[in-house]
Amino acid sequence: MASGQLLRAEALACSGCRHACHVMLYSDTKTQLFGRIPIRHIVLMQMRFDGLLGFPGGLVDPLEETLEAGLSRELSEELGLALPIVVEDHVESRYAPASSPSSPSSSSSRLITHFYVKMMEEEQIREVERVAASTATDHGQEVLGMVRVPLYTMKGGGGLASFLSHSFIGNARSQLVDSLLRFNLVASGDLHKALTHSLKIHAHAVDDLRAALALTEVQKKQL
């Protein structure tokens, strides 16, 4: 079993632990980007209020509701739709990474993330996108918008590699990568190439951030 990963029953038996449930919604598609690049699958994530990418969902109290009922409640708030989530959609439970090296490691402070994957029809996915942007309670507040994961790779490395170089919350990036492999949405070789190129993109981003920081330092000295 992977590091930090728990059996569902083991996770629920953790005394004092907090629980969060999230889901990856996806569908197959025959559409093409620019009429020539197969998209193959639509995978939804969201831009969170803190500027990080993550999956729809949130905190759930197993003492008051089942994990699946709690996740459906969260989806109703974030997506505007009460999507049914069942135990069969459950993929894994694991401890969330500590927020900082100094974070306490006692069970009373540990957060366990429960991850689900639900396949839908393409029109259902499009309906989720429409409703999330128009009627969802949390749109524009806790959720800044739904985004699709580009699973293709373009010349120069654009697409999946660029997407993976962004900042993700908690386990979200590893959950995405694992699900892409688990459900055969991206070939392992293609995903390896995308991740390798993503590291190079990240390195360039660090240089850009340093240049931007230097610019602000110049502005401060001029004031």
C-alpha atoms as a PDB file:
ATOM      1  CA  MET A   1       0.000   0.000   0.000  1.00  0.00           C
ATOM      2  CA  ALA A   2       1.340   3.450  -0.941  1.00  0.00           C
ATOM      3  CA  SER A   3       2.732   5.679   1.788  1.00  0.00           C
ATOM      4  CA  GLY A   4      -0.048   7.379   3.735  1.00  0.00           C
ATOM      5  CA  GLN A   5      -2.749   5.300   2.072  1.00  0.00           C
ATOM      6  CA  LEU A   6      -5.460   3.733   4.247  1.00  0.00           C
ATOM      7  CA  LEU A   7      -8.192   1.175   3.885  1.00  0.00           C
ATOM      8  CA  ARG A   8     -11.599   2.845   3.909  1.00  0.00           C
ATOM      9  CA  ALA A   9     -12.617   1.126   7.166  1.00  0.00           C
ATOM     10  CA  GLU A  10      -9.279   1.989   8.738  1.00  0.00           C
ATOM     11  CA  ALA A  11      -9.698   5.629   7.785  1.00  0.00           C
ATOM     12  CA  LEU A  12     -13.191   5.820   9.259  1.00  0.00           C
ATOM     13  CA  ALA A  13     -11.943   4.252  12.502  1.00  0.00           C
ATOM     14  CA  CYS A  14      -9.347   7.012  13.005  1.00  0.00           C
ATOM     15  CA  SER A  15     -10.314   8.727  16.244  1.00  0.00           C
ATOM     16  CA  GLY A  16     -10.169  12.514  16.111  1.00  0.00           C
ATOM     17  CA  CYS A  17      -9.254  12.691  12.417  1.00  0.00           C
ATOM     18  CA  ARG A  18     -10.948  15.132  10.081  1.00  0.00           C
ATOM     19  CA  HIS A  19     -12.255  13.879   6.742  1.00  0.00           C
ATOM     20  CA  ALA A  20     -12.523  15.513   3.314  1.00  0.00           C
ATOM     21  CA  CYS A  21     -14.069  13.959   0.216  1.00  0.00           C
ATOM     22  CA  HIS A  22     -13.369  14.989  -3.379  1.00  0.00           C
ATOM     23  CA  VAL A  23     -14.291  13.592  -6.766  1.00  0.00           C
ATOM     24  CA  MET A  24     -12.888  13.608 -10.286  1.00  0.00           C
ATOM     25  CA  LEU A  25     -15.695  13.809 -12.844  1.00  0.00           C
ATOM     26  CA  TYR A  26     -14.864  12.747 -16.382  1.00  0.00           C
ATOM     27  CA  SER A  27     -16.354  11.604 -19.676  1.00  0.00           C
ATOM     28  CA  ASP A  28     -15.238  10.379 -23.059  1.00  0.00           C
ATOM     29  CA  THR A  29     -15.460  12.765 -26.013  1.00  0.00           C
ATOM     30  CA  LYS A  30     -14.919  12.642 -29.742  1.00  0.00           C
ATOM     31  CA  THR A  31     -14.280  16.371 -30.069  1.00  0.00           C
ATOM     32  CA  GLN A  32     -10.971  17.716 -31.360  1.00  0.00           C
ATOM     33  CA  LEU A  33      -8.994  20.830 -30.542  1.00  0.00           C
ATOM     34  CA  PHE A  34      -8.638  23.024 -33.655  1.00  0.00           C
ATOM     35  CA  GLY A  35     -10.313  20.174 -35.538  1.00  0.00           C
ATOM     36  CA  ARG A  36      -7.153  18.043 -35.508  1.00  0.00           C
ATOM     37  CA  ILE A  37      -6.005  17.264 -31.939  1.00  0.00           C
ATOM     38  CA  PRO A  38      -8.102  14.516 -30.286  1.00  0.00           C
ATOM     39  CA  ILE A  39      -9.235  15.540 -26.805  1.00  0.00           C
ATOM     40  CA  ARG A  40     -10.479  11.989 -25.994  1.00  0.00           C
ATOM     41  CA  HIS A  41     -11.587  12.692 -22.425  1.00  0.00           C
ATOM     42  CA  ILE A  42     -13.022  15.595 -20.456  1.00  0.00           C
ATOM     43  CA  VAL A  43     -11.659  15.718 -16.898  1.00  0.00           C
ATOM     44  CA  LEU A  44     -12.948  18.417 -14.556  1.00  0.00           C
ATOM     45  CA  MET A  45     -11.073  20.230 -11.806  1.00  0.00           C
ATOM     46  CA  GLN A  46     -11.663  23.627 -10.242  1.00  0.00           C
ATOM     47  CA  MET A  47      -9.765  26.783  -9.434  1.00  0.00           C
ATOM     48  CA  ARG A  48     -10.154  27.295  -5.701  1.00  0.00           C
ATOM     49  CA  PHE A  49     -10.517  30.530  -3.737  1.00  0.00           C
ATOM     50  CA  ASP A  50      -6.859  30.249  -2.680  1.00  0.00           C
ATOM     51  CA  GLY A  51      -5.604  30.139  -6.261  1.00  0.00           C
ATOM     52  CA  LEU A  52      -4.829  26.407  -6.144  1.00  0.00           C
ATOM     53  CA  LEU A  53      -6.204  23.705  -8.414  1.00  0.00           C
ATOM     54  CA  GLY A  54      -8.257  20.971  -6.794  1.00  0.00           C
ATOM     55  CA  PHE A  55     -11.235  18.668  -7.194  1.00  0.00           C
ATOM     56  CA  PRO A  56     -14.832  19.447  -6.157  1.00  0.00           C
ATOM     57  CA  GLY A  57     -15.689  18.427  -2.604  1.00  0.00           C
ATOM     58  CA  GLY A  58     -14.964  19.403   0.970  1.00  0.00           C
ATOM     59  CA  LEU A  59     -15.058  18.462   4.630  1.00  0.00           C
ATOM     60  CA  VAL A  60     -17.383  15.692   5.763  1.00  0.00           C
ATOM     61  CA  ASP A  61     -18.281  14.495   9.267  1.00  0.00           C
ATOM     62  CA  PRO A  62     -18.736  10.682   9.193  1.00  0.00           C
ATOM     63  CA  LEU A  63     -20.532  10.882  12.548  1.00  0.00           C
ATOM     64  CA  GLU A  64     -23.337  12.891  10.960  1.00  0.00           C
ATOM     65  CA  GLU A  65     -23.497  11.530   7.403  1.00  0.00           C
ATOM     66  CA  THR A  66     -21.896   8.960   5.141  1.00  0.00           C
ATOM     67  CA  LEU A  67     -18.861  10.016   3.142  1.00  0.00           C
ATOM     68  CA  GLU A  68     -20.870   9.741  -0.073  1.00  0.00           C
ATOM     69  CA  ALA A  69     -23.806  11.777   1.260  1.00  0.00           C
ATOM     70  CA  GLY A  70     -21.414  14.448   2.490  1.00  0.00           C
ATOM     71  CA  LEU A  71     -19.643  14.604  -0.859  1.00  0.00           C
ATOM     72  CA  SER A  72     -22.978  14.917  -2.695  1.00  0.00           C
ATOM     73  CA  ARG A  73     -23.886  17.798  -0.372  1.00  0.00           C
ATOM     74  CA  GLU A  74     -20.603  19.555  -1.130  1.00  0.00           C
ATOM     75  CA  LEU A  75     -21.122  19.059  -4.869  1.00  0.00           C
ATOM     76  CA  SER A  76     -24.563  20.613  -4.610  1.00  0.00           C
ATOM     77  CA  GLU A  77     -22.983  23.751  -3.139  1.00  0.00           C
ATOM     78  CA  GLU A  78     -19.978  23.944  -5.469  1.00  0.00           C
ATOM     79  CA  LEU A  79     -21.510  22.671  -8.716  1.00  0.00           C
ATOM     80  CA  GLY A  80     -25.191  23.465  -8.263  1.00  0.00           C
ATOM     81  CA  LEU A  81     -26.093  19.818  -8.849  1.00  0.00           C
ATOM     82  CA  ALA A  82     -26.705  17.036  -6.332  1.00  0.00           C
ATOM     83  CA  LEU A  83     -24.765  14.338  -8.145  1.00  0.00           C
ATOM     84  CA  PRO A  84     -25.225  10.841  -6.680  1.00  0.00           C
ATOM     85  CA  ILE A  85     -21.950   9.407  -5.381  1.00  0.00           C
ATOM     86  CA  VAL A  86     -21.789   5.733  -4.401  1.00  0.00           C
ATOM     87  CA  VAL A  87     -19.262   3.582  -2.537  1.00  0.00           C
ATOM     88  CA  GLU A  88     -18.219   1.996  -5.851  1.00  0.00           C
ATOM     89  CA  ASP A  89     -16.888   5.389  -6.978  1.00  0.00           C
ATOM     90  CA  HIS A  90     -14.375   5.389  -4.100  1.00  0.00           C
ATOM     91  CA  VAL A  91     -10.751   5.085  -5.235  1.00  0.00           C
ATOM     92  CA  GLU A  92      -8.582   5.716  -2.195  1.00  0.00           C
ATOM     93  CA  SER A  93      -8.262   7.177   1.287  1.00  0.00           C
ATOM     94  CA  ARG A  94      -4.996   8.661   2.525  1.00  0.00           C
ATOM     95  CA  TYR A  95      -3.560  11.206   4.896  1.00  0.00           C
ATOM     96  CA  ALA A  96      -3.253  14.691   3.457  1.00  0.00           C
ATOM     97  CA  PRO A  97       0.299  16.062   3.413  1.00  0.00           C
ATOM     98  CA  ALA A  98       1.192  18.302   6.332  1.00  0.00           C
ATOM     99  CA  SER A  99       0.657  21.976   5.566  1.00  0.00           C
ATOM    100  CA  SER A 100       4.097  22.797   6.945  1.00  0.00           C
ATOM    101  CA  PRO A 101       7.091  20.990   8.492  1.00  0.00           C
ATOM    102  CA  SER A 102       6.051  22.274  11.913  1.00  0.00           C
ATOM    103  CA  SER A 103       2.482  20.922  11.679  1.00  0.00           C
ATOM    104  CA  PRO A 104       1.646  18.563  14.543  1.00  0.00           C
ATOM    105  CA  SER A 105       1.354  14.917  13.563  1.00  0.00           C
ATOM    106  CA  SER A 106      -1.113  13.762  16.213  1.00  0.00           C
ATOM    107  CA  SER A 107      -4.304  12.051  15.037  1.00  0.00           C
ATOM    108  CA  SER A 108      -6.374  14.935  16.426  1.00  0.00           C
ATOM    109  CA  SER A 109      -4.930  17.215  13.738  1.00  0.00           C
ATOM    110  CA  ARG A 110      -4.667  14.773  10.842  1.00  0.00           C
ATOM    111  CA  LEU A 111      -6.791  15.233   7.751  1.00  0.00           C
ATOM    112  CA  ILE A 112      -7.778  12.151   5.750  1.00  0.00           C
ATOM    113  CA  THR A 113      -8.756  12.692   2.122  1.00  0.00           C
ATOM    114  CA  HIS A 114     -11.185  10.309   0.451  1.00  0.00           C
ATOM    115  CA  PHE A 115     -10.998  10.377  -3.329  1.00  0.00           C
ATOM    116  CA  TYR A 116     -13.689   9.300  -5.780  1.00  0.00           C
ATOM    117  CA  VAL A 117     -13.811   9.048  -9.567  1.00  0.00           C
ATOM    118  CA  LYS A 118     -17.131   9.174 -11.426  1.00  0.00           C
ATOM    119  CA  MET A 119     -17.554   8.613 -15.151  1.00  0.00           C
ATOM    120  CA  MET A 120     -20.413  10.509 -16.783  1.00  0.00           C
ATOM    121  CA  GLU A 121     -21.836  11.140 -20.234  1.00  0.00           C
ATOM    122  CA  GLU A 122     -20.381  14.101 -22.102  1.00  0.00           C
ATOM    123  CA  GLU A 123     -23.644  16.016 -22.013  1.00  0.00           C
ATOM    124  CA  GLN A 124     -23.795  15.530 -18.230  1.00  0.00           C
ATOM    125  CA  ILE A 125     -20.309  16.988 -17.913  1.00  0.00           C
ATOM    126  CA  ARG A 126     -21.322  19.970 -20.043  1.00  0.00           C
ATOM    127  CA  GLU A 127     -24.387  20.461 -17.831  1.00  0.00           C
ATOM    128  CA  VAL A 128     -22.160  20.480 -14.744  1.00  0.00           C
ATOM    129  CA  GLU A 129     -20.043  23.206 -16.353  1.00  0.00           C
ATOM    130  CA  ARG A 130     -23.101  25.278 -17.282  1.00  0.00           C
ATOM    131  CA  VAL A 131     -24.804  25.050 -13.900  1.00  0.00           C
ATOM    132  CA  ALA A 132     -21.583  25.547 -11.909  1.00  0.00           C
ATOM    133  CA  ALA A 133     -21.044  28.902 -13.611  1.00  0.00           C
ATOM    134  CA  SER A 134     -24.632  30.102 -13.263  1.00  0.00           C
ATOM    135  CA  THR A 135     -26.430  28.774 -10.181  1.00  0.00           C
ATOM    136  CA  ALA A 136     -23.900  27.146  -7.822  1.00  0.00           C
ATOM    137  CA  THR A 137     -23.903  28.785  -4.379  1.00  0.00           C
ATOM    138  CA  ASP A 138     -20.120  28.810  -4.094  1.00  0.00           C
ATOM    139  CA  HIS A 139     -19.310  30.058  -7.610  1.00  0.00           C
ATOM    140  CA  GLY A 140     -17.128  33.146  -7.458  1.00  0.00           C
ATOM    141  CA  GLN A 141     -16.487  32.607  -3.764  1.00  0.00           C
ATOM    142  CA  GLU A 142     -15.034  29.268  -2.632  1.00  0.00           C
ATOM    143  CA  VAL A 143     -14.870  28.149  -6.264  1.00  0.00           C
ATOM    144  CA  LEU A 144     -13.545  30.552  -8.893  1.00  0.00           C
ATOM    145  CA  GLY A 145     -14.454  28.332 -11.832  1.00  0.00           C
ATOM    146  CA  MET A 146     -14.404  24.834 -13.267  1.00  0.00           C
ATOM    147  CA  VAL A 147     -11.508  23.948 -15.565  1.00  0.00           C
ATOM    148  CA  ARG A 148     -10.837  21.093 -17.945  1.00  0.00           C
ATOM    149  CA  VAL A 149      -7.564  19.189 -17.768  1.00  0.00           C
ATOM    150  CA  PRO A 150      -5.871  19.228 -21.220  1.00  0.00           C
ATOM    151  CA  LEU A 151      -4.837  15.604 -21.686  1.00  0.00           C
ATOM    152  CA  TYR A 152      -3.135  16.196 -25.022  1.00  0.00           C
ATOM    153  CA  THR A 153       0.394  17.406 -25.733  1.00  0.00           C
ATOM    154  CA  MET A 154       1.082  20.060 -28.353  1.00  0.00           C
ATOM    155  CA  LYS A 155       4.292  20.961 -30.133  1.00  0.00           C
ATOM    156  CA  GLY A 156       6.533  22.743 -27.670  1.00  0.00           C
ATOM    157  CA  GLY A 157       5.022  20.865 -24.729  1.00  0.00           C
ATOM    158  CA  GLY A 158       1.806  22.831 -24.312  1.00  0.00           C
ATOM    159  CA  GLY A 159      -1.202  21.054 -22.869  1.00  0.00           C
ATOM    160  CA  LEU A 160      -0.886  18.491 -20.098  1.00  0.00           C
ATOM    161  CA  ALA A 161       2.715  19.385 -19.206  1.00  0.00           C
ATOM    162  CA  SER A 162       1.819  23.044 -18.699  1.00  0.00           C
ATOM    163  CA  PHE A 163      -1.239  22.143 -16.660  1.00  0.00           C
ATOM    164  CA  LEU A 164       0.724  19.847 -14.349  1.00  0.00           C
ATOM    165  CA  SER A 165       3.234  22.638 -13.656  1.00  0.00           C
ATOM    166  CA  HIS A 166       0.554  24.706 -11.895  1.00  0.00           C
ATOM    167  CA  SER A 167       0.013  24.707  -8.119  1.00  0.00           C
ATOM    168  CA  PHE A 168      -2.342  22.080  -6.664  1.00  0.00           C
ATOM    169  CA  ILE A 169      -3.901  21.692  -3.219  1.00  0.00           C
ATOM    170  CA  GLY A 170      -2.875  18.775  -1.001  1.00  0.00           C
ATOM    171  CA  ASN A 171      -2.987  15.408  -2.778  1.00  0.00           C
ATOM    172  CA  ALA A 172      -4.748  16.762  -5.870  1.00  0.00           C
ATOM    173  CA  ARG A 173      -1.853  16.487  -8.337  1.00  0.00           C
ATOM    174  CA  SER A 174      -1.002  12.917  -7.300  1.00  0.00           C
ATOM    175  CA  GLN A 175      -4.705  12.021  -7.334  1.00  0.00           C
ATOM    176  CA  LEU A 176      -4.960  13.336 -10.885  1.00  0.00           C
ATOM    177  CA  VAL A 177      -1.860  11.521 -12.123  1.00  0.00           C
ATOM    178  CA  ASP A 178      -2.886   8.269 -10.434  1.00  0.00           C
ATOM    179  CA  SER A 179      -6.394   8.454 -11.913  1.00  0.00           C
ATOM    180  CA  LEU A 180      -5.140   9.190 -15.418  1.00  0.00           C
ATOM    181  CA  LEU A 181      -3.101   5.985 -15.207  1.00  0.00           C
ATOM    182  CA  ARG A 182      -5.668   3.907 -13.299  1.00  0.00           C
ATOM    183  CA  PHE A 183      -8.464   4.599 -15.789  1.00  0.00           C
ATOM    184  CA  ASN A 184      -6.221   4.551 -18.885  1.00  0.00           C
ATOM    185  CA  LEU A 185      -6.994   8.153 -19.798  1.00  0.00           C
ATOM    186  CA  VAL A 186      -3.378   8.890 -20.729  1.00  0.00           C
ATOM    187  CA  ALA A 187      -0.686   6.379 -21.754  1.00  0.00           C
ATOM    188  CA  SER A 188       2.009   5.994 -19.095  1.00  0.00           C
ATOM    189  CA  GLY A 189       4.755   6.967 -21.557  1.00  0.00           C
ATOM    190  CA  ASP A 190       2.930  10.139 -22.576  1.00  0.00           C
ATOM    191  CA  LEU A 191       2.305  11.040 -18.941  1.00  0.00           C
ATOM    192  CA  HIS A 192       5.965  10.490 -18.098  1.00  0.00           C
ATOM    193  CA  LYS A 193       7.006  12.838 -20.911  1.00  0.00           C
ATOM    194  CA  ALA A 194       4.479  15.443 -19.772  1.00  0.00           C
ATOM    195  CA  LEU A 195       5.729  15.350 -16.195  1.00  0.00           C
ATOM    196  CA  THR A 196       9.345  15.562 -17.329  1.00  0.00           C
ATOM    197  CA  HIS A 197       8.579  18.636 -19.431  1.00  0.00           C
ATOM    198  CA  SER A 198       6.488  20.052 -16.582  1.00  0.00           C
ATOM    199  CA  LEU A 199       9.615  20.170 -14.408  1.00  0.00           C
ATOM    200  CA  LYS A 200      11.341  22.282 -17.043  1.00  0.00           C
ATOM    201  CA  ILE A 201       8.351  24.621 -17.241  1.00  0.00           C
ATOM    202  CA  HIS A 202       8.376  24.949 -13.468  1.00  0.00           C
ATOM    203  CA  ALA A 203      12.054  25.895 -13.519  1.00  0.00           C
ATOM    204  CA  HIS A 204      11.315  28.673 -16.038  1.00  0.00           C
ATOM    205  CA  ALA A 205       8.416  29.831 -13.856  1.00  0.00           C
ATOM    206  CA  VAL A 206      10.772  30.194 -10.892  1.00  0.00           C
ATOM    207  CA  ASP A 207      13.016  32.440 -12.984  1.00  0.00           C
ATOM    208  CA  ASP A 208      10.010  34.530 -14.035  1.00  0.00           C
ATOM    209  CA  LEU A 209       8.887  34.907 -10.424  1.00  0.00           C
ATOM    210  CA  ARG A 210      12.343  36.042  -9.377  1.00  0.00           C
ATOM    211  CA  ALA A 211      12.361  38.621 -12.162  1.00  0.00           C
ATOM    212  CA  ALA A 212       8.930  39.866 -11.074  1.00  0.00           C
ATOM    213  CA  LEU A 213      10.100  40.054  -7.476  1.00  0.00           C
ATOM    214  CA  ALA A 214      13.145  42.068  -8.516  1.00  0.00           C
ATOM    215  CA  LEU A 215      10.855  44.493 -10.336  1.00  0.00           C
ATOM    216  CA  THR A 216       8.817  45.098  -7.197  1.00  0.00           C
ATOM    217  CA  GLU A 217      12.022  45.709  -5.237  1.00  0.00           C
ATOM    218  CA  VAL A 218      12.968  48.444  -7.727  1.00  0.00           C
ATOM    219  CA  GLN A 219       9.516  49.997  -7.338  1.00  0.00           C
ATOM    220  CA  LYS A 220       9.829  49.968  -3.542  1.00  0.00           C
ATOM    221  CA  LYS A 221      13.146  51.824  -3.691  1.00  0.00           C
ATOM    222  CA  GLN A 222      11.658  54.490  -5.951  1.00  0.00           C
ATOM    223  CA  LEU A 223       8.809  55.240  -3.525  1.00  0.00           C
END
